[in-house]
Protein backbone atom coordinates (compact mmCIF):
# COMPACT_ATOMS: atom_id res chain seq x y z
CA MET A 1 -21.12 -12.14 -5.11
CA LYS A 2 -17.89 -11.94 -3.12
CA LYS A 3 -18.32 -11.30 0.62
CA TYR A 4 -15.98 -9.75 3.15
CA ILE A 5 -15.53 -9.96 6.90
CA LYS A 6 -15.31 -6.73 8.86
CA ILE A 7 -13.79 -7.16 12.32
CA ASP A 8 -13.99 -4.49 15.02
CA ILE A 9 -11.20 -4.74 17.61
CA GLN A 10 -11.22 -2.58 20.75
CA THR A 11 -7.62 -1.50 21.32
CA SER A 12 -5.81 0.19 24.19
CA SER A 13 -3.18 2.28 22.38
CA PRO A 14 -2.05 3.46 18.93
CA GLU A 15 1.04 1.28 19.30
CA GLN A 16 -1.13 -1.81 19.78
CA GLU A 17 -3.15 -0.87 16.68
CA ASP A 18 0.01 -0.52 14.59
CA ILE A 19 1.27 -3.94 15.65
CA LEU A 20 -2.12 -5.51 14.89
CA VAL A 21 -2.25 -3.92 11.43
CA ALA A 22 1.25 -5.15 10.59
CA SER A 23 0.51 -8.68 11.85
CA LEU A 24 -2.95 -9.01 10.29
CA SER A 25 -1.56 -7.82 6.95
CA GLU A 26 0.51 -10.99 6.90
CA ILE A 27 -2.59 -13.24 7.02
CA GLN A 28 -4.38 -11.56 4.10
CA PHE A 29 -6.19 -8.73 5.87
CA TYR A 30 -5.64 -5.80 3.52
CA ALA A 31 -7.90 -2.90 4.48
CA PHE A 32 -7.95 -1.12 7.83
CA GLU A 33 -9.62 1.85 9.52
CA GLN A 34 -8.45 3.33 12.79
CA LYS A 35 -11.01 5.41 14.70
CA GLY A 36 -10.29 6.33 18.30
CA ASN A 37 -9.72 3.08 20.19
CA GLN A 38 -11.33 0.98 17.46
CA LEU A 39 -9.50 -0.87 14.70
CA PHE A 40 -11.61 -2.12 11.80
CA ALA A 41 -9.93 -4.87 9.77
CA TYR A 42 -11.24 -6.29 6.50
CA ILE A 43 -10.58 -9.57 4.71
CA ASN A 44 -12.13 -11.67 1.96
CA GLU A 45 -14.44 -14.18 3.62
CA ALA A 46 -12.76 -17.02 1.72
CA ASP A 47 -9.33 -16.03 3.09
CA TYR A 48 -10.28 -15.81 6.77
CA ASN A 49 -8.70 -18.35 9.15
CA ASP A 50 -10.00 -18.11 12.73
CA ASN A 51 -7.04 -19.97 14.25
CA LYS A 52 -4.50 -17.65 12.61
CA PHE A 53 -6.56 -14.62 13.64
CA HIS A 54 -6.54 -15.64 17.31
CA GLU A 55 -2.82 -16.37 17.22
CA ILE A 56 -2.42 -12.64 16.59
CA VAL A 57 -5.37 -11.10 18.45
CA ASP A 58 -5.42 -11.82 22.16
CA LYS A 59 -8.72 -13.29 23.29
CA SER A 60 -8.84 -10.73 26.09
CA LEU A 61 -9.55 -8.01 23.49
CA VAL A 62 -13.15 -7.17 22.69
CA VAL A 63 -13.82 -8.29 19.12
CA SER A 64 -16.94 -8.25 16.98
CA ARG A 65 -17.40 -9.19 13.34
CA GLU A 66 -19.88 -8.93 10.53
CA ILE A 67 -20.23 -10.12 6.94
CA ILE A 68 -20.56 -7.37 4.34
CA GLU A 69 -21.29 -7.41 0.62
CA ASP A 70 -18.90 -5.55 -1.68
CA THR A 71 -21.61 -3.11 -2.79
CA ASN A 72 -22.39 -2.21 0.82
CA TRP A 73 -18.70 -1.58 1.39
CA ASN A 74 -18.49 0.85 -1.51
CA ALA A 75 -21.21 3.12 -0.15
CA GLN A 76 -19.77 3.06 3.38
CA TRP A 77 -16.16 3.67 2.31
CA GLU A 78 -17.00 6.46 -0.11
CA SER A 79 -19.15 8.25 2.47
CA ASP A 80 -16.23 8.20 4.94
CA PHE A 81 -13.50 9.02 2.42
CA LYS A 82 -11.85 12.38 3.14
CA PRO A 83 -9.14 14.00 1.01
CA VAL A 84 -5.56 13.37 2.10
CA ARG A 85 -3.01 16.12 1.47
CA ILE A 86 0.72 15.51 1.46
CA GLU A 87 1.87 19.10 2.04
CA ASP A 88 1.83 21.04 -1.28
CA PHE A 89 3.10 18.03 -3.25
CA ALA A 90 -0.02 15.89 -3.73
CA ILE A 91 -3.61 15.39 -2.71
CA ILE A 92 -5.50 12.09 -2.81
CA ARG A 93 -9.24 12.70 -3.21
CA ALA A 94 -12.43 11.34 -4.71
CA ALA A 95 -14.17 12.94 -7.69
CA PHE A 96 -16.93 14.33 -5.46
CA HIS A 97 -14.43 16.45 -3.48
CA GLU A 98 -13.68 20.03 -4.47
CA PRO A 99 -10.61 20.35 -6.75
CA PRO A 100 -7.56 21.58 -4.80
CA THR A 101 -5.65 24.82 -5.20
CA GLU A 102 -1.89 25.30 -5.00
CA ILE A 103 -1.05 21.60 -5.24
CA LYS A 104 1.37 19.93 -7.66
CA PHE A 105 -0.42 16.63 -8.19
CA ASP A 106 -4.15 15.98 -7.94
CA LEU A 107 -4.81 12.21 -7.61
CA LEU A 108 -8.41 11.05 -8.10
CA ILE A 109 -9.09 7.77 -6.31
CA THR A 110 -12.29 5.74 -5.95
CA PRO A 111 -11.12 3.54 -3.09
CA LYS A 112 -13.71 0.73 -2.80
CA MET A 113 -12.15 -2.40 -1.25
CA SER A 114 -8.56 -1.58 -2.13
CA PHE A 115 -5.87 -0.41 0.27
CA GLY A 116 -4.07 2.80 -0.58
CA THR A 117 -6.16 5.91 -0.08
CA GLY A 118 -3.44 7.82 1.71
CA HIS A 119 -5.21 7.66 5.04
CA HIS A 120 -2.82 5.01 6.28
CA ALA A 121 0.61 6.30 7.24
CA THR A 122 2.44 3.97 4.84
CA THR A 123 0.72 5.36 1.74
CA TRP A 124 1.31 8.90 2.96
CA LEU A 125 4.99 8.09 3.52
CA MET A 126 5.42 6.50 0.10
CA VAL A 127 3.93 9.54 -1.64
CA ALA A 128 6.04 11.92 0.45
CA GLN A 129 9.23 10.02 -0.43
CA MET A 130 8.33 9.91 -4.13
CA GLU A 131 8.61 13.70 -4.25
CA HIS A 132 12.38 13.33 -3.84
CA ILE A 133 12.91 10.64 -6.50
CA SER A 134 13.45 11.29 -10.22
CA PHE A 135 10.94 9.20 -12.19
CA GLN A 136 11.63 10.88 -15.54
CA ASP A 137 11.81 8.24 -18.31
CA LYS A 138 12.11 5.42 -15.76
CA LYS A 139 10.59 1.93 -15.81
CA VAL A 140 8.58 1.54 -12.60
CA LEU A 141 6.98 -1.43 -10.82
CA ASP A 142 4.23 -0.83 -8.26
CA PHE A 143 4.31 -4.10 -6.28
CA GLY A 144 0.99 -4.52 -4.40
CA THR A 145 -0.72 -1.61 -6.11
CA GLY A 146 -3.98 -1.51 -4.08
CA THR A 147 -5.85 1.44 -5.58
CA GLY A 148 -3.09 2.21 -8.09
CA VAL A 149 -2.34 5.55 -6.44
CA LEU A 150 1.45 5.13 -6.46
CA ALA A 151 1.47 3.91 -10.07
CA ILE A 152 -0.64 6.92 -11.09
CA LEU A 153 1.69 9.32 -9.29
CA ALA A 154 4.73 7.65 -10.90
CA GLU A 155 3.31 8.34 -14.37
CA LYS A 156 2.50 11.93 -13.44
CA LEU A 157 6.12 12.28 -12.25
CA GLY A 158 7.38 11.34 -15.72
CA ALA A 159 7.83 7.56 -15.73
CA ALA A 160 8.20 6.09 -19.21
CA GLU A 161 6.22 2.98 -18.29
CA VAL A 162 4.63 1.61 -15.13
CA LEU A 163 3.60 -1.94 -14.24
CA ALA A 164 1.04 -2.17 -11.41
CA ILE A 165 0.54 -5.64 -9.93
CA ASP A 166 -1.63 -7.06 -7.16
CA LEU A 167 -2.89 -10.51 -6.21
CA ASP A 168 -6.45 -9.33 -5.49
CA GLU A 169 -8.94 -9.10 -8.36
CA TRP A 170 -10.78 -6.23 -6.70
CA SER A 171 -7.58 -4.17 -6.50
CA ILE A 172 -6.87 -4.82 -10.17
CA ASN A 173 -10.35 -3.66 -11.22
CA ASN A 174 -10.14 -0.65 -8.90
CA THR A 175 -6.69 0.31 -10.24
CA ILE A 176 -7.93 0.16 -13.84
CA GLU A 177 -10.83 2.44 -12.91
CA ASN A 178 -8.55 4.91 -11.16
CA ILE A 179 -6.10 4.93 -14.08
CA HIS A 180 -9.00 5.98 -16.32
CA HIS A 181 -10.10 8.73 -13.89
CA ASN A 182 -6.57 10.17 -13.92
CA ASN A 183 -6.18 10.02 -17.72
CA CYS A 184 -3.08 7.85 -17.44
CA THR A 185 -1.81 6.02 -20.54
CA LYS A 186 1.51 4.45 -19.51
CA ILE A 187 0.34 2.04 -16.80
CA LYS A 188 -0.06 -1.69 -17.42
CA VAL A 189 -1.99 -3.70 -14.82
CA GLU A 190 -1.49 -7.39 -14.05
CA GLN A 191 -3.01 -9.71 -11.46
CA ARG A 192 -0.12 -11.70 -10.02
CA ASP A 193 1.46 -12.53 -6.65
CA ASN A 194 5.10 -12.80 -7.68
CA LEU A 195 7.76 -11.13 -9.82
CA GLU A 196 8.82 -14.13 -11.86
CA GLY A 197 9.56 -13.35 -15.51
CA LEU A 198 9.41 -9.57 -15.18
CA LYS A 199 11.91 -7.38 -17.01
CA GLN A 200 14.37 -5.01 -15.35
CA GLN A 201 12.87 -2.17 -13.34
CA ASP A 202 14.56 1.17 -12.60
CA ILE A 203 12.31 1.86 -9.60
CA ILE A 204 10.25 -0.55 -7.50
CA LEU A 205 7.54 0.78 -5.20
CA ALA A 206 6.69 -1.86 -2.58
CA ASN A 207 4.18 -0.84 0.08
CA ILE A 208 3.36 -4.34 1.32
CA ASN A 209 4.56 -5.87 4.59
CA LEU A 210 7.76 -7.22 6.06
CA ASN A 211 6.96 -10.89 5.40
CA ILE A 212 6.20 -10.42 1.68
CA LEU A 213 9.19 -8.13 1.22
CA ASP A 214 11.41 -10.78 2.80
CA ILE A 215 9.97 -13.60 0.66
CA SER A 216 10.23 -11.48 -2.49
CA SER A 217 13.66 -9.97 -1.84
CA VAL A 218 15.53 -12.36 -4.15
CA SER A 219 13.06 -11.71 -6.99
CA ILE A 220 13.21 -7.96 -6.37
CA SER A 221 17.01 -7.98 -6.56
CA ALA A 222 16.93 -10.10 -9.74
CA ILE A 223 15.02 -7.45 -11.70
CA GLN A 224 17.16 -4.48 -10.65
CA THR A 225 20.68 -3.44 -11.60
CA ALA A 226 23.22 -1.04 -10.09
CA GLY A 227 21.68 2.39 -9.54
CA SER A 228 18.09 1.09 -9.41
CA LEU A 229 15.91 2.28 -6.54
CA LEU A 230 13.63 0.34 -4.18
CA LEU A 231 11.13 2.28 -2.06
CA THR A 232 9.61 0.12 0.68
CA SER A 233 6.99 0.51 3.39
CA GLY A 234 4.40 -1.53 5.27
CA PHE A 235 6.47 -2.21 8.39
CA LEU A 236 6.97 -0.68 11.83
CA GLN A 237 9.90 1.13 13.42
CA LYS A 238 10.80 -2.04 15.32
CA ASP A 239 11.32 -3.86 12.00
CA VAL A 240 13.79 -1.39 10.48
CA ALA A 241 16.87 -3.41 11.37
CA ALA A 242 15.32 -6.54 9.87
CA MET A 243 14.50 -4.68 6.65
CA GLU A 244 18.02 -3.32 6.40
CA ASN A 245 19.49 -6.79 6.90
CA ILE A 246 17.23 -8.30 4.23
CA PHE A 247 18.21 -5.84 1.52
CA THR A 248 21.80 -5.04 2.41
CA GLY A 249 22.25 -8.79 2.07
CA LYS A 250 20.96 -8.44 -1.52
CA ASN A 251 23.52 -5.70 -2.29
CA TYR A 252 21.30 -2.68 -1.57
CA GLN A 253 22.33 0.44 0.32
CA LYS A 254 19.92 2.48 2.45
CA ILE A 255 19.60 6.03 1.10
CA SER A 256 16.94 7.54 3.36
CA GLN A 257 14.23 6.78 5.88
CA MET A 258 11.00 8.48 6.98
CA GLU A 259 8.62 7.72 9.86
CA LYS A 260 5.00 8.56 10.58
CA ASP A 261 2.82 7.18 13.39
CA ASN A 262 5.39 4.45 14.11
CA TRP A 263 5.36 3.29 10.46
CA VAL A 264 8.46 3.56 8.27
CA THR A 265 9.46 3.89 4.64
CA ILE A 266 13.02 3.17 3.50
CA LEU A 267 14.58 4.07 0.16
CA PHE A 268 17.30 1.63 -1.01
CA GLU A 269 19.67 1.81 -3.98
CA LYS A 270 21.03 -1.30 -5.70
CA MET A 271 24.84 -1.29 -5.63
């Protein structure tokens, strides 16, 4: 049975937490909880590298860690999972929550080990931005799908077909389960860590991190044509200029930007 490491870091400010989340995401940590002055970070035990961890996390910080089984995680996560509402546009909830009223899109998510419940600012931002994009009859790629929540919303917004990809097996299994819960029929799921060989995509949803977006920028550009849209998040306000440089250099133009809790989402259009 796969095991995970849960690390508890005592932080001094929300800004420090945001920087830690962004940095740890780049060394294969992919689930986080922020409670008061505590940051909980999760990683597959097999992926953990202590030297890389301490290059990011100052040894002066109070850190504790424990090994958890995936089944133990499920019970803990589900017990803590609260609905997330993005104004009157969408709600992200579990099946055991009361159905919403006066909401356009009801998204049922069983989160488990996957990232993307809406509690993190980047998922909230991506969903909020998607309200202002036309998905009708579009081909959509959800790059780093996590729970599949963005892919599910894309179908509900009228996408003709959606490809949801992730490198983590748990995310793939979780996405398939969530697709079923939401009665979606137009989403294909693949376990992969690159975009090689994919067909042209009208819209790419990429809530990952700055490093992966940079590495993948050539591949992203190769599967989009003029007028295609790229919605990105997973980076901090301080990284906006770097993101703009990466994609304007690939012939994209910035259309809009949103911020929440020091995190940013940028919508680009291919020129």
